[in-house]
Amino acid sequence: MAEKTVYFSLGSNVGDREVNLRAATAALGDAGVRVTRESSFYETEPVDFLEQAWFLNCAVEGETKVPALELLRALRGIELQMGSKKLVAKGPRLIDMDILLYGAEMIDAPELQVPHPRMHLRRFVLVPLAEIAPGAAHRV
């Protein structure tokens, strides 16, 4: 399989948010991703579930040969290893990792939609992504 350029969105609003983002980014290497660019960290207010702490968000660019669904499972594994629990939908989390773009692919599986279906609606995703990939485009 050819290497794909993949973009991730990371967010944290529990514990030491900066340490959490750095640890999750570092763990991408063990998931088969060579990190090539990282955005600055952005502090953002919560969306949807408002009664929680503000988030620290970033975007990460990487290169991988890992198939998208396998990569998603690896991300969920990183979240679990770090101790993230999603007790409330859109609620507080130690780390949240999403695949935004996976090469030029469009994926519509029950557990993964790429491009991320709500990325264009979320400033906390678009601002960090635009910093590291100003030419990246949502294919839909």
Protein backbone atom coordinates (compact mmCIF):
# COMPACT_ATOMS: atom_id res chain seq x y z
CA MET A 1 0.00 0.00 0.00
CA ALA A 2 1.26 3.47 -0.87
CA GLU A 3 1.88 5.98 1.87
CA LYS A 4 -1.00 8.36 2.56
CA THR A 5 -0.94 11.85 4.02
CA VAL A 6 -3.35 11.91 6.91
CA TYR A 7 -4.60 14.78 9.07
CA PHE A 8 -5.77 14.40 12.65
CA SER A 9 -7.59 16.65 15.09
CA LEU A 10 -6.64 16.26 18.75
CA GLY A 11 -8.35 17.78 21.76
CA SER A 12 -8.12 17.62 25.55
CA ASN A 13 -9.92 19.34 28.42
CA VAL A 14 -9.06 17.09 31.39
CA GLY A 15 -5.79 17.14 33.34
CA ASP A 16 -2.68 18.71 31.85
CA ARG A 17 -4.07 19.36 28.39
CA GLU A 18 -0.74 20.23 26.76
CA VAL A 19 0.94 17.09 28.13
CA ASN A 20 -2.02 15.02 26.90
CA LEU A 21 -1.77 16.44 23.35
CA ARG A 22 1.99 15.88 23.24
CA ALA A 23 1.67 12.29 24.51
CA ALA A 24 -1.06 11.46 21.98
CA THR A 25 0.99 12.94 19.14
CA ALA A 26 4.04 10.93 20.23
CA ALA A 27 1.92 7.75 20.40
CA LEU A 28 1.03 8.12 16.71
CA GLY A 29 4.47 6.71 15.90
CA ASP A 30 3.56 3.42 17.59
CA ALA A 31 0.37 3.40 15.47
CA GLY A 32 2.38 3.47 12.25
CA VAL A 33 2.21 7.21 11.58
CA ARG A 34 5.28 9.33 10.87
CA VAL A 35 4.33 12.80 12.14
CA THR A 36 5.44 15.47 9.68
CA ARG A 37 3.77 18.66 10.98
CA GLU A 38 2.04 19.83 14.15
CA SER A 39 -0.03 22.96 14.59
CA SER A 40 0.15 25.33 17.52
CA PHE A 41 -2.17 24.64 20.43
CA TYR A 42 -5.44 26.56 20.49
CA GLU A 43 -7.66 27.06 23.53
CA THR A 44 -11.28 26.71 22.51
CA GLU A 45 -14.62 26.78 24.22
CA PRO A 46 -16.70 23.62 24.32
CA VAL A 47 -19.30 22.98 21.61
CA ASP A 48 -22.66 21.22 22.11
CA PHE A 49 -22.08 20.18 25.76
CA LEU A 50 -21.22 23.56 27.29
CA GLU A 51 -20.92 22.71 31.01
CA GLN A 52 -17.27 21.67 30.89
CA ALA A 53 -13.75 23.07 30.85
CA TRP A 54 -12.29 24.68 27.73
CA PHE A 55 -10.32 22.49 25.35
CA LEU A 56 -6.81 22.66 24.03
CA ASN A 57 -6.82 21.57 20.36
CA CYS A 58 -4.26 20.98 17.64
CA ALA A 59 -3.96 19.40 14.22
CA VAL A 60 -1.30 16.89 13.19
CA GLU A 61 -0.14 15.85 9.72
CA GLY A 62 1.41 12.45 9.19
CA GLU A 63 2.37 9.84 6.64
CA THR A 64 1.17 6.25 7.01
CA LYS A 65 0.69 2.97 5.20
CA VAL A 66 -1.84 1.80 7.81
CA PRO A 67 -5.35 1.34 6.35
CA ALA A 68 -7.85 3.93 7.60
CA LEU A 69 -10.07 1.62 9.69
CA GLU A 70 -7.03 0.01 11.29
CA LEU A 71 -5.69 3.49 12.02
CA LEU A 72 -8.97 4.48 13.65
CA ARG A 73 -8.76 1.41 15.91
CA ALA A 74 -5.20 2.43 16.82
CA LEU A 75 -6.40 5.92 17.77
CA ARG A 76 -9.09 4.45 20.02
CA GLY A 77 -6.38 2.26 21.57
CA ILE A 78 -4.22 5.34 22.29
CA GLU A 79 -7.22 7.07 23.89
CA LEU A 80 -7.87 4.04 26.11
CA GLN A 81 -4.20 3.62 27.05
CA MET A 82 -4.07 7.26 28.09
CA GLY A 83 -7.15 6.74 30.27
CA SER A 84 -9.68 8.74 28.27
CA LYS A 85 -13.29 7.90 29.06
CA LYS A 86 -16.16 9.24 26.99
CA LEU A 87 -18.80 9.15 29.71
CA VAL A 88 -20.96 11.87 28.13
CA ALA A 89 -21.34 12.45 24.39
CA LYS A 90 -19.37 15.61 23.50
CA GLY A 91 -18.36 15.74 27.17
CA PRO A 92 -15.04 16.12 28.99
CA ARG A 93 -12.17 13.99 27.78
CA LEU A 94 -8.53 13.51 28.57
CA ILE A 95 -7.81 13.02 24.86
CA ASP A 96 -9.93 12.88 21.73
CA MET A 97 -8.36 11.94 18.39
CA ASP A 98 -10.13 12.12 15.03
CA ILE A 99 -9.06 11.40 11.47
CA LEU A 100 -9.97 14.45 9.38
CA LEU A 101 -8.52 13.53 5.98
CA TYR A 102 -6.91 10.30 4.75
CA GLY A 103 -5.12 11.00 1.48
CA ALA A 104 -7.71 11.83 -1.17
CA GLU A 105 -9.95 9.00 -0.02
CA MET A 106 -13.62 9.28 0.77
CA ILE A 107 -14.71 6.72 3.35
CA ASP A 108 -18.28 6.11 4.47
CA ALA A 109 -18.27 3.25 6.96
CA PRO A 110 -20.44 3.03 10.09
CA GLU A 111 -17.46 3.74 12.35
CA LEU A 112 -15.50 6.15 10.12
CA GLN A 113 -16.43 8.92 7.72
CA VAL A 114 -13.64 10.70 5.85
CA PRO A 115 -13.48 13.59 5.29
CA HIS A 116 -14.67 14.07 8.86
CA PRO A 117 -18.37 14.93 8.40
CA ARG A 118 -18.38 17.97 10.73
CA MET A 119 -14.87 19.35 10.27
CA HIS A 120 -16.06 22.24 8.08
CA LEU A 121 -18.42 23.35 10.89
CA ARG A 122 -15.80 23.41 13.62
CA ARG A 123 -13.46 26.31 13.99
CA PHE A 124 -11.44 24.35 16.57
CA VAL A 125 -10.61 21.94 13.72
CA LEU A 126 -10.26 24.37 10.82
CA VAL A 127 -7.94 26.93 12.43
CA PRO A 128 -5.21 24.43 13.45
CA LEU A 129 -5.61 22.51 10.17
CA ALA A 130 -5.26 25.71 8.11
CA GLU A 131 -2.03 26.49 9.98
CA ILE A 132 -0.30 23.28 8.85
CA ALA A 133 -2.18 22.55 5.60
CA PRO A 134 -3.58 25.75 4.06
CA GLY A 135 -4.24 23.89 0.80
CA ALA A 136 -6.13 20.98 2.36
CA ALA A 137 -9.65 20.67 1.00
CA HIS A 138 -12.81 18.93 2.17
CA ARG A 139 -13.71 16.76 -0.83
CA VAL A 140 -17.46 17.03 -0.26
